[in-house]
Structures are given as structure tokens and as C-alpha cells.
Amino acid sequence: MRVLEATRWAPSWKNKQPWRFILTAREVLVYTQMRQVKEEKDYHLLDCGIAMVHLHLAAIATGVTGRWELAGFEVPGAPDAEPIGRYLLESVSS
């Protein structure tokens, strides 16, 4: 939970924090339902990427190791969601 708390404070382009998380036993799914397009640029992808970096750095700082996979999954219970990435947990230090 400390990792997600640190990620929650990540900045975003329009200060809307478009990312959402689903936690499972071995992964953190990151998705969005809020597309932010301006001048043909997908800012929601940039915003989610910033949150993903914050999550990764907070994980390292708290002894959690994992790796990112981009897309290639569905978001359970949210059929209109856009999957961004999933952080696969490899180990957690005590």
C-alpha cells in the first residue's frame, strides 16, 4: 500500500490523474477510462507512464521487485477501460 500511496501523488498533465489500479495477488494492473487528447497527442498515456515510473521507484525503495508488461491484458469488471500496463511482482523483501 505504501507503493500505491507514493504513486497516487504522481503529477499529471491536466492534474486529473487518469490512472486507475486493480490489485491482484501477484500484479498491479494500470488502466484508464479517461482519454486526454489535445493536438492529436494522447496525454493520458504520458500521465499513466509517469504514474508507472513512480510506482516502480516506490517499489524499489520499499524492497519490492517486479517488471512491467505493457497492454496485452483485459481489465476485469471494466470493459470500456484502456489497459496500459501491469506490474508483475517478483519478490517482496521483509
N, C-alpha and C. Protein backbone atom coordinates (compact mmCIF):
# COMPACT_ATOMS: atom_id res chain seq x y z
N MET A 1 0.82 -1.20 0.00
CA MET A 1 0.00 0.00 0.00
C MET A 1 0.86 1.26 0.00
N ARG A 2 2.05 1.19 0.59
CA ARG A 2 2.94 2.37 0.57
C ARG A 2 3.35 2.71 -0.86
N VAL A 3 3.53 1.69 -1.67
CA VAL A 3 3.89 1.92 -3.07
C VAL A 3 2.77 2.66 -3.79
N LEU A 4 1.53 2.24 -3.59
CA LEU A 4 0.40 2.91 -4.24
C LEU A 4 0.18 4.32 -3.69
N GLU A 5 0.44 4.52 -2.42
CA GLU A 5 0.30 5.86 -1.84
C GLU A 5 1.29 6.81 -2.50
N ALA A 6 2.52 6.36 -2.70
CA ALA A 6 3.51 7.19 -3.39
C ALA A 6 3.10 7.46 -4.83
N THR A 7 2.53 6.48 -5.47
CA THR A 7 2.10 6.63 -6.86
C THR A 7 0.92 7.58 -6.97
N ARG A 8 0.06 7.56 -6.00
CA ARG A 8 -1.13 8.43 -6.01
C ARG A 8 -0.77 9.90 -6.11
N TRP A 9 0.40 10.27 -5.61
CA TRP A 9 0.84 11.67 -5.62
C TRP A 9 1.59 12.05 -6.89
N ALA A 10 1.71 11.15 -7.84
CA ALA A 10 2.42 11.46 -9.10
C ALA A 10 1.71 12.60 -9.83
N PRO A 11 2.47 13.47 -10.49
CA PRO A 11 1.84 14.57 -11.24
C PRO A 11 1.22 14.06 -12.54
N SER A 12 0.34 14.85 -13.10
CA SER A 12 -0.20 14.53 -14.42
C SER A 12 -0.42 15.81 -15.21
N TRP A 13 -0.56 15.65 -16.52
CA TRP A 13 -0.62 16.77 -17.44
C TRP A 13 -1.72 17.77 -17.08
N LYS A 14 -2.89 17.30 -16.83
CA LYS A 14 -4.02 18.19 -16.56
C LYS A 14 -4.49 18.07 -15.10
N ASN A 15 -3.64 17.50 -14.27
CA ASN A 15 -3.92 17.29 -12.86
C ASN A 15 -5.21 16.51 -12.64
N LYS A 16 -5.46 15.54 -13.51
CA LYS A 16 -6.66 14.72 -13.40
C LYS A 16 -6.34 13.30 -12.95
N GLN A 17 -5.07 12.94 -12.90
CA GLN A 17 -4.64 11.61 -12.50
C GLN A 17 -5.56 10.54 -13.11
N PRO A 18 -5.43 10.31 -14.43
CA PRO A 18 -6.36 9.43 -15.13
C PRO A 18 -6.16 7.94 -14.87
N TRP A 19 -5.11 7.58 -14.17
CA TRP A 19 -4.82 6.17 -13.96
C TRP A 19 -5.71 5.58 -12.88
N ARG A 20 -5.93 4.29 -13.01
CA ARG A 20 -6.66 3.51 -12.02
C ARG A 20 -5.89 2.21 -11.83
N PHE A 21 -6.02 1.62 -10.65
CA PHE A 21 -5.29 0.40 -10.33
C PHE A 21 -6.25 -0.71 -9.91
N ILE A 22 -5.88 -1.92 -10.25
CA ILE A 22 -6.50 -3.11 -9.71
C ILE A 22 -5.37 -3.96 -9.16
N LEU A 23 -5.52 -4.39 -7.92
CA LEU A 23 -4.51 -5.22 -7.28
C LEU A 23 -4.95 -6.67 -7.29
N THR A 24 -4.03 -7.54 -7.64
CA THR A 24 -4.26 -8.97 -7.50
C THR A 24 -3.13 -9.49 -6.61
N ALA A 25 -3.09 -10.78 -6.38
CA ALA A 25 -2.07 -11.35 -5.51
C ALA A 25 -0.65 -11.13 -6.05
N ARG A 26 -0.49 -11.10 -7.34
CA ARG A 26 0.86 -11.02 -7.93
C ARG A 26 1.07 -9.90 -8.94
N GLU A 27 0.10 -9.00 -9.07
CA GLU A 27 0.29 -7.92 -10.05
C GLU A 27 -0.55 -6.70 -9.70
N VAL A 28 -0.11 -5.58 -10.30
CA VAL A 28 -0.86 -4.33 -10.22
C VAL A 28 -1.23 -3.96 -11.65
N LEU A 29 -2.52 -3.90 -11.95
CA LEU A 29 -2.98 -3.52 -13.28
C LEU A 29 -3.18 -2.01 -13.30
N VAL A 30 -2.69 -1.37 -14.35
CA VAL A 30 -2.87 0.07 -14.52
C VAL A 30 -3.72 0.26 -15.77
N TYR A 31 -4.79 1.04 -15.63
CA TYR A 31 -5.67 1.30 -16.77
C TYR A 31 -6.23 2.70 -16.65
N THR A 32 -6.89 3.14 -17.70
CA THR A 32 -7.54 4.44 -17.69
C THR A 32 -8.89 4.33 -18.39
N GLN A 33 -9.80 5.17 -18.00
CA GLN A 33 -11.08 5.31 -18.69
C GLN A 33 -11.26 6.75 -19.15
N MET A 34 -10.19 7.53 -19.04
CA MET A 34 -10.25 8.95 -19.33
C MET A 34 -9.20 9.30 -20.39
N ARG A 35 -9.63 9.37 -21.63
CA ARG A 35 -8.70 9.75 -22.70
C ARG A 35 -8.51 11.25 -22.68
N GLN A 36 -7.26 11.70 -22.75
CA GLN A 36 -6.94 13.12 -22.76
C GLN A 36 -6.14 13.40 -24.03
N VAL A 37 -6.83 13.81 -25.07
CA VAL A 37 -6.18 14.06 -26.35
C VAL A 37 -6.24 15.55 -26.65
N LYS A 38 -5.09 16.12 -26.97
CA LYS A 38 -5.01 17.52 -27.35
C LYS A 38 -3.97 17.61 -28.45
N GLU A 39 -4.33 18.29 -29.50
CA GLU A 39 -3.43 18.44 -30.65
C GLU A 39 -2.90 17.08 -31.11
N GLU A 40 -3.82 16.09 -31.14
CA GLU A 40 -3.53 14.74 -31.60
C GLU A 40 -2.49 14.00 -30.76
N LYS A 41 -2.31 14.43 -29.52
CA LYS A 41 -1.38 13.74 -28.61
C LYS A 41 -2.18 13.10 -27.49
N ASP A 42 -1.86 11.86 -27.19
CA ASP A 42 -2.55 11.11 -26.13
C ASP A 42 -1.88 11.36 -24.79
N TYR A 43 -2.28 12.42 -24.12
CA TYR A 43 -1.66 12.80 -22.86
C TYR A 43 -1.95 11.80 -21.74
N HIS A 44 -3.05 11.09 -21.83
CA HIS A 44 -3.35 10.09 -20.79
C HIS A 44 -2.29 9.00 -20.76
N LEU A 45 -1.70 8.69 -21.91
CA LEU A 45 -0.63 7.69 -21.94
C LEU A 45 0.61 8.22 -21.24
N LEU A 46 0.95 9.49 -21.48
CA LEU A 46 2.07 10.12 -20.79
C LEU A 46 1.82 10.13 -19.28
N ASP A 47 0.61 10.52 -18.89
CA ASP A 47 0.26 10.56 -17.47
C ASP A 47 0.38 9.19 -16.82
N CYS A 48 -0.13 8.17 -17.47
CA CYS A 48 -0.04 6.82 -16.92
C CYS A 48 1.41 6.36 -16.84
N GLY A 49 2.20 6.74 -17.83
CA GLY A 49 3.63 6.40 -17.81
C GLY A 49 4.34 7.04 -16.62
N ILE A 50 4.00 8.28 -16.30
CA ILE A 50 4.57 8.96 -15.13
C ILE A 50 4.19 8.19 -13.86
N ALA A 51 2.93 7.82 -13.74
CA ALA A 51 2.49 7.06 -12.57
C ALA A 51 3.21 5.71 -12.49
N MET A 52 3.44 5.08 -13.63
CA MET A 52 4.11 3.79 -13.65
C MET A 52 5.55 3.92 -13.17
N VAL A 53 6.23 4.99 -13.56
CA VAL A 53 7.59 5.22 -13.08
C VAL A 53 7.59 5.44 -11.57
N HIS A 54 6.65 6.23 -11.08
CA HIS A 54 6.54 6.45 -9.64
C HIS A 54 6.29 5.14 -8.91
N LEU A 55 5.44 4.31 -9.45
CA LEU A 55 5.16 3.02 -8.83
C LEU A 55 6.42 2.17 -8.78
N HIS A 56 7.14 2.12 -9.88
CA HIS A 56 8.36 1.31 -9.96
C HIS A 56 9.42 1.80 -8.97
N LEU A 57 9.63 3.10 -8.91
CA LEU A 57 10.63 3.66 -7.99
C LEU A 57 10.23 3.46 -6.53
N ALA A 58 8.96 3.62 -6.23
CA ALA A 58 8.48 3.38 -4.86
C ALA A 58 8.63 1.91 -4.50
N ALA A 59 8.38 1.03 -5.47
CA ALA A 59 8.55 -0.41 -5.22
C ALA A 59 10.01 -0.71 -4.88
N ILE A 60 10.93 -0.19 -5.64
CA ILE A 60 12.35 -0.41 -5.37
C ILE A 60 12.71 0.11 -3.98
N ALA A 61 12.23 1.30 -3.64
CA ALA A 61 12.54 1.91 -2.34
C ALA A 61 11.99 1.11 -1.17
N THR A 62 10.95 0.33 -1.40
CA THR A 62 10.35 -0.44 -0.31
C THR A 62 10.70 -1.93 -0.38
N GLY A 63 11.64 -2.30 -1.24
CA GLY A 63 12.09 -3.68 -1.30
C GLY A 63 11.25 -4.61 -2.16
N VAL A 64 10.44 -4.06 -3.02
CA VAL A 64 9.60 -4.86 -3.91
C VAL A 64 10.27 -4.88 -5.28
N THR A 65 10.40 -6.04 -5.87
CA THR A 65 10.92 -6.12 -7.23
C THR A 65 9.84 -6.65 -8.15
N GLY A 66 9.88 -6.15 -9.37
CA GLY A 66 8.90 -6.57 -10.36
C GLY A 66 9.29 -6.05 -11.73
N ARG A 67 8.41 -6.27 -12.66
CA ARG A 67 8.68 -5.80 -14.04
C ARG A 67 7.36 -5.42 -14.68
N TRP A 68 7.44 -4.52 -15.63
CA TRP A 68 6.26 -4.04 -16.35
C TRP A 68 6.02 -4.85 -17.61
N GLU A 69 4.78 -5.11 -17.90
CA GLU A 69 4.32 -5.58 -19.21
C GLU A 69 3.32 -4.55 -19.69
N LEU A 70 3.45 -4.16 -20.94
CA LEU A 70 2.56 -3.15 -21.50
C LEU A 70 1.41 -3.79 -22.24
N ALA A 71 0.22 -3.39 -21.90
CA ALA A 71 -1.02 -3.85 -22.54
C ALA A 71 -1.07 -5.38 -22.57
N GLY A 72 -1.81 -5.93 -23.53
CA GLY A 72 -1.91 -7.37 -23.66
C GLY A 72 -2.75 -8.04 -22.59
N PHE A 73 -3.63 -7.29 -21.95
CA PHE A 73 -4.50 -7.87 -20.93
C PHE A 73 -5.82 -7.11 -20.93
N GLU A 74 -6.81 -7.70 -20.30
CA GLU A 74 -8.10 -7.03 -20.15
C GLU A 74 -8.28 -6.64 -18.70
N VAL A 75 -9.05 -5.59 -18.49
CA VAL A 75 -9.30 -5.12 -17.14
C VAL A 75 -10.59 -5.76 -16.64
N PRO A 76 -10.51 -6.62 -15.61
CA PRO A 76 -11.72 -7.29 -15.13
C PRO A 76 -12.74 -6.29 -14.57
N GLY A 77 -13.98 -6.46 -14.97
CA GLY A 77 -15.05 -5.61 -14.46
C GLY A 77 -15.13 -4.23 -15.06
N ALA A 78 -14.29 -3.93 -16.04
CA ALA A 78 -14.29 -2.61 -16.67
C ALA A 78 -14.10 -2.77 -18.18
N PRO A 79 -15.14 -3.20 -18.90
CA PRO A 79 -14.99 -3.49 -20.33
C PRO A 79 -14.62 -2.28 -21.19
N ASP A 80 -14.92 -1.06 -20.73
CA ASP A 80 -14.59 0.13 -21.52
C ASP A 80 -13.25 0.74 -21.12
N ALA A 81 -12.50 0.06 -20.25
CA ALA A 81 -11.21 0.57 -19.80
C ALA A 81 -10.14 0.33 -20.86
N GLU A 82 -9.15 1.21 -20.86
CA GLU A 82 -8.00 1.04 -21.74
C GLU A 82 -6.83 0.53 -20.90
N PRO A 83 -6.43 -0.74 -21.08
CA PRO A 83 -5.30 -1.27 -20.31
C PRO A 83 -4.01 -0.57 -20.73
N ILE A 84 -3.21 -0.20 -19.75
CA ILE A 84 -1.95 0.48 -20.03
C ILE A 84 -0.77 -0.44 -19.73
N GLY A 85 -0.72 -1.00 -18.55
CA GLY A 85 0.37 -1.89 -18.19
C GLY A 85 0.05 -2.66 -16.94
N ARG A 86 0.86 -3.68 -16.69
CA ARG A 86 0.72 -4.41 -15.44
C ARG A 86 2.10 -4.66 -14.87
N TYR A 87 2.18 -4.43 -13.57
CA TYR A 87 3.43 -4.62 -12.84
C TYR A 87 3.38 -5.99 -12.21
N LEU A 88 4.21 -6.88 -12.69
CA LEU A 88 4.25 -8.26 -12.21
C LEU A 88 5.22 -8.34 -11.04
N LEU A 89 4.71 -8.67 -9.86
CA LEU A 89 5.52 -8.76 -8.66
C LEU A 89 6.40 -9.99 -8.72
N GLU A 90 7.70 -9.79 -8.47
CA GLU A 90 8.64 -10.90 -8.48
C GLU A 90 9.04 -11.30 -7.07
N SER A 91 9.30 -10.31 -6.20
CA SER A 91 9.63 -10.62 -4.82
C SER A 91 9.37 -9.41 -3.94
N VAL A 92 9.15 -9.69 -2.67
CA VAL A 92 8.92 -8.64 -1.69
C VAL A 92 9.87 -8.91 -0.53
N SER A 93 10.73 -7.92 -0.20
CA SER A 93 11.63 -8.06 0.94
C SER A 93 10.89 -7.78 2.22
N SER A 94 11.26 -8.44 3.27
CA SER A 94 10.63 -8.20 4.57
C SER A 94 11.27 -7.04 5.28
